[in-house]
C-alpha atoms as a PDB file:
ATOM      1  CA  MET A   1      14.057 -48.795 -18.623  1.00  0.00           C
ATOM      2  CA  ARG A   2      14.726 -47.489 -15.165  1.00  0.00           C
ATOM      3  CA  HIS A   3      12.041 -45.882 -13.102  1.00  0.00           C
ATOM      4  CA  THR A   4      13.383 -43.156 -10.799  1.00  0.00           C
ATOM      5  CA  VAL A   5      11.663 -42.811  -7.445  1.00  0.00           C
ATOM      6  CA  PHE A   6      12.213 -39.648  -5.448  1.00  0.00           C
ATOM      7  CA  ASN A   7      12.425 -39.939  -1.718  1.00  0.00           C
ATOM      8  CA  PHE A   8      10.271 -37.708   0.422  1.00  0.00           C
ATOM      9  CA  GLY A   9      13.491 -36.250   1.892  1.00  0.00           C
ATOM     10  CA  ASP A  10      14.739 -35.283  -1.577  1.00  0.00           C
ATOM     11  CA  ILE A  11      11.582 -33.327  -2.276  1.00  0.00           C
ATOM     12  CA  ILE A  12      11.761 -31.536   1.081  1.00  0.00           C
ATOM     13  CA  SER A  13      15.447 -30.617   0.753  1.00  0.00           C
ATOM     14  CA  THR A  14      14.954 -29.359  -2.821  1.00  0.00           C
ATOM     15  CA  THR A  15      11.991 -27.244  -1.691  1.00  0.00           C
ATOM     16  CA  VAL A  16      13.968 -25.791   1.218  1.00  0.00           C
ATOM     17  CA  ILE A  17      16.889 -24.911  -1.060  1.00  0.00           C
ATOM     18  CA  LEU A  18      14.530 -23.206  -3.539  1.00  0.00           C
ATOM     19  CA  ILE A  19      12.838 -21.227  -0.748  1.00  0.00           C
ATOM     20  CA  ILE A  20      16.230 -20.082   0.580  1.00  0.00           C
ATOM     21  CA  PHE A  21      17.297 -19.077  -2.953  1.00  0.00           C
ATOM     22  CA  PHE A  22      14.144 -17.009  -3.529  1.00  0.00           C
ATOM     23  CA  ALA A  23      14.449 -15.382  -0.099  1.00  0.00           C
ATOM     24  CA  ILE A  24      18.039 -14.315  -0.810  1.00  0.00           C
ATOM     25  CA  PHE A  25      16.994 -13.107  -4.277  1.00  0.00           C
ATOM     26  CA  PHE A  26      14.175 -10.904  -2.966  1.00  0.00           C
ATOM     27  CA  VAL A  27      16.298  -9.549  -0.094  1.00  0.00           C
ATOM     28  CA  MET A  28      19.002  -8.531  -2.576  1.00  0.00           C
ATOM     29  CA  ILE A  29      16.426  -6.793  -4.812  1.00  0.00           C
ATOM     30  CA  HIS A  30      15.043  -4.954  -1.773  1.00  0.00           C
ATOM     31  CA  MET A  31      18.535  -3.835  -0.708  1.00  0.00           C
ATOM     32  CA  ILE A  32      19.376  -2.590  -4.214  1.00  0.00           C
ATOM     33  CA  LYS A  33      16.152  -0.573  -4.373  1.00  0.00           C
ATOM     34  CA  LYS A  34      16.873   0.874  -0.927  1.00  0.00           C
ATOM     35  CA  MET A  35      20.398   1.888  -1.979  1.00  0.00           C
ATOM     36  CA  LYS A  36      19.102   3.593  -5.134  1.00  0.00           C
ATOM     37  CA  SER A  37      16.496   5.582  -3.217  1.00  0.00           C
ATOM     38  CA  THR A  38      18.968   7.125  -0.767  1.00  0.00           C
ATOM     39  CA  VAL A  39      20.814  10.140  -2.141  1.00  0.00           C
ATOM     40  CA  PRO A  40      24.529  10.096  -1.331  1.00  0.00           C
ATOM     41  CA  LEU A  41      25.534  12.991   0.877  1.00  0.00           C
ATOM     42  CA  PRO A  42      28.318  15.288  -0.300  1.00  0.00           C
ATOM     43  CA  PRO A  43      31.535  14.898   1.670  1.00  0.00           C
ATOM     44  CA  GLU A  44      31.800  17.104   4.720  1.00  0.00           C
ATOM     45  CA  GLU A  45      34.063  20.133   4.470  1.00  0.00           C
ATOM     46  CA  THR A  46      37.481  19.647   5.948  1.00  0.00           C
ATOM     47  CA  LEU A  47      38.843  22.053   8.532  1.00  0.00           C
ATOM     48  CA  GLN A  48      41.265  23.503   5.972  1.00  0.00           C
ATOM     49  CA  GLN A  49      38.405  24.258   3.561  1.00  0.00           C
ATOM     50  CA  LYS A  50      36.494  25.998   6.354  1.00  0.00           C
ATOM     51  CA  VAL A  51      39.564  28.070   7.237  1.00  0.00           C
ATOM     52  CA  ASP A  52      40.061  29.041   3.583  1.00  0.00           C
ATOM     53  CA  ASP A  53      36.402  30.013   3.273  1.00  0.00           C
ATOM     54  CA  LEU A  54      36.560  32.159   6.398  1.00  0.00           C
ATOM     55  CA  THR A  55      39.793  33.778   5.203  1.00  0.00           C
ATOM     56  CA  THR A  56      38.193  34.836   1.931  1.00  0.00           C
ATOM     57  CA  ARG A  57      35.143  36.173   3.748  1.00  0.00           C
ATOM     58  CA  VAL A  58      37.342  38.205   6.116  1.00  0.00           C
ATOM     59  CA  LYS A  59      39.336  39.619   3.186  1.00  0.00           C
ATOM     60  CA  THR A  60      36.176  40.706   1.365  1.00  0.00           C
ATOM     61  CA  LEU A  61      34.882  42.334   4.544  1.00  0.00           C
ATOM     62  CA  GLU A  62      38.203  44.148   5.008  1.00  0.00           C
ATOM     63  CA  HIS A  63      37.970  45.458   1.433  1.00  0.00           C
ATOM     64  CA  ARG A  64      34.437  46.671   2.061  1.00  0.00           C
ATOM     65  CA  VAL A  65      35.485  48.442   5.264  1.00  0.00           C
ATOM     66  CA  GLU A  66      38.403  50.092   3.425  1.00  0.00           C
ATOM     67  CA  SER A  67      36.176  51.250   0.583  1.00  0.00           C
ATOM     68  CA  LEU A  68      33.613  52.619   3.025  1.00  0.00           C
ATOM     69  CA  SER A  69      36.259  54.470   5.024  1.00  0.00           C
ATOM     70  CA  GLU A  70      37.672  55.971   1.801  1.00  0.00           C
ATOM     71  CA  ARG A  71      34.220  57.280   0.858  1.00  0.00           C
ATOM     72  CA  GLN A  72      33.893  59.120   4.131  1.00  0.00           C
END
């Protein structure tokens, strides 16, 4: 029967590896929680969408002006 003797260096290196593993584990959990808590922002309007929106607003205003001028 063989008796296994662990060196002091083996114990230290195993402990260091376990500490590094747990540190990475908890950092990843923290990052995942942080990502879930931030609400993704909607994409910013492109210039073309802004132009289209302004065009529709101008057209509705023109129609209102025409209808008001017809009333008078």
